[in-house]
């Protein structure tokens, strides 16, 4: 549905601009590293969301600084391992049911 995709794309750009502006004022979303950063970081997926970090230097700096944290590296490695297992066990019918279309 073109209208739904257009709305989503506009909302992603709006949210990236909000984050970019905030991260131009502070190192982290709530000033210090907090649950706000932990909750938002996994949702920032520029490639999947058709965005470019080059357009958001503050967001890029923040994203990379979170990604470099030792606990985040460990957690992200676990996520990637689990993701591989999930991908391997889904049938095509299950994948279509969950995601609706191929990416």
Protein backbone atom coordinates (compact mmCIF):
# COMPACT_ATOMS: atom_id res chain seq x y z
CA UNK A 1 0.00 0.00 0.00
CA UNK A 2 1.78 3.15 -1.21
CA UNK A 3 0.07 5.44 1.31
CA UNK A 4 1.16 3.25 4.24
CA UNK A 5 4.74 3.05 2.95
CA UNK A 6 4.85 6.81 2.41
CA UNK A 7 3.59 7.43 5.94
CA UNK A 8 6.17 5.04 7.40
CA UNK A 9 9.03 6.59 5.42
CA UNK A 10 8.03 10.10 6.53
CA UNK A 11 7.77 8.99 10.15
CA UNK A 12 11.22 7.38 10.05
CA UNK A 13 12.74 10.60 8.69
CA UNK A 14 10.93 12.64 11.35
CA UNK A 15 12.16 10.41 14.17
CA UNK A 16 15.73 10.41 12.86
CA UNK A 17 15.63 14.24 12.80
CA UNK A 18 14.34 14.32 16.39
CA UNK A 19 17.15 12.02 17.50
CA UNK A 20 19.71 13.97 15.49
CA UNK A 21 18.65 17.25 17.10
CA UNK A 22 18.65 15.81 20.63
CA UNK A 23 22.03 14.16 20.17
CA UNK A 24 23.43 17.50 19.00
CA UNK A 25 22.61 18.80 22.49
CA UNK A 26 23.73 15.86 24.62
CA UNK A 27 26.01 12.84 24.42
CA UNK A 28 23.13 10.47 25.17
CA UNK A 29 19.36 10.72 24.82
CA UNK A 30 18.69 11.53 28.48
CA UNK A 31 22.00 13.31 29.08
CA UNK A 32 23.81 10.33 30.64
CA UNK A 33 23.79 6.78 29.32
CA UNK A 34 20.43 5.35 30.38
CA UNK A 35 17.59 2.99 29.62
CA UNK A 36 16.52 5.44 26.90
CA UNK A 37 19.69 4.66 24.92
CA UNK A 38 19.38 0.94 25.61
CA UNK A 39 15.78 0.92 24.37
CA UNK A 40 16.27 3.05 21.25
CA UNK A 41 19.63 1.75 19.98
CA UNK A 42 18.35 -1.56 18.52
CA UNK A 43 15.63 0.26 16.57
CA UNK A 44 18.09 2.37 14.60
CA UNK A 45 18.58 0.44 11.36
CA UNK A 46 19.52 2.96 8.65
CA UNK A 47 19.86 0.46 5.82
CA UNK A 48 16.56 -1.30 6.51
CA UNK A 49 14.86 2.05 7.10
CA UNK A 50 16.32 3.54 3.91
CA UNK A 51 18.32 6.18 5.77
CA UNK A 52 22.00 7.10 5.67
CA UNK A 53 24.12 7.80 8.72
CA UNK A 54 25.95 10.42 6.64
CA UNK A 55 22.79 12.54 6.86
CA UNK A 56 22.71 12.26 10.68
CA UNK A 57 26.24 12.77 12.11
CA UNK A 58 25.08 13.10 15.74
CA UNK A 59 22.97 9.97 15.51
CA UNK A 60 25.85 8.12 13.85
CA UNK A 61 28.27 9.16 16.62
CA UNK A 62 25.79 8.05 19.28
CA UNK A 63 25.05 4.74 17.53
CA UNK A 64 28.74 3.88 17.18
CA UNK A 65 29.50 4.85 20.78
CA UNK A 66 26.73 2.55 22.05
CA UNK A 67 27.85 -0.25 19.70
CA UNK A 68 31.39 0.01 21.11
CA UNK A 69 30.30 -0.61 24.71
CA UNK A 70 31.54 -4.03 25.91
CA UNK A 71 28.14 -5.21 27.18
CA UNK A 72 26.45 -4.16 23.95
CA UNK A 73 29.05 -6.06 21.92
CA UNK A 74 28.36 -9.20 23.95
CA UNK A 75 24.59 -8.80 23.73
CA UNK A 76 24.71 -8.07 20.03
CA UNK A 77 26.81 -11.21 19.40
CA UNK A 78 24.20 -13.29 21.24
CA UNK A 79 21.43 -11.68 19.21
CA UNK A 80 23.20 -12.42 15.94
CA UNK A 81 23.73 -16.05 16.96
CA UNK A 82 20.08 -16.44 17.92
CA UNK A 83 18.98 -14.70 14.74
CA UNK A 84 20.87 -17.27 12.66
CA UNK A 85 19.06 -20.10 14.41
CA UNK A 86 15.68 -18.45 13.90
CA UNK A 87 16.32 -17.85 10.23
CA UNK A 88 17.35 -21.45 9.69
CA UNK A 89 14.28 -22.93 11.38
CA UNK A 90 11.57 -20.88 9.63
CA UNK A 91 9.79 -22.47 6.73
CA UNK A 92 8.84 -20.26 3.78
CA UNK A 93 5.21 -20.33 4.96
CA UNK A 94 6.27 -19.24 8.46
CA UNK A 95 8.46 -16.48 7.04
CA UNK A 96 5.60 -15.18 4.89
CA UNK A 97 3.26 -15.30 7.88
CA UNK A 98 5.67 -13.30 10.04
CA UNK A 99 7.05 -10.84 7.52
CA UNK A 100 4.56 -10.79 4.67
CA UNK A 101 7.13 -10.18 1.97
CA UNK A 102 10.77 -10.77 1.24
CA UNK A 103 13.35 -8.11 2.02
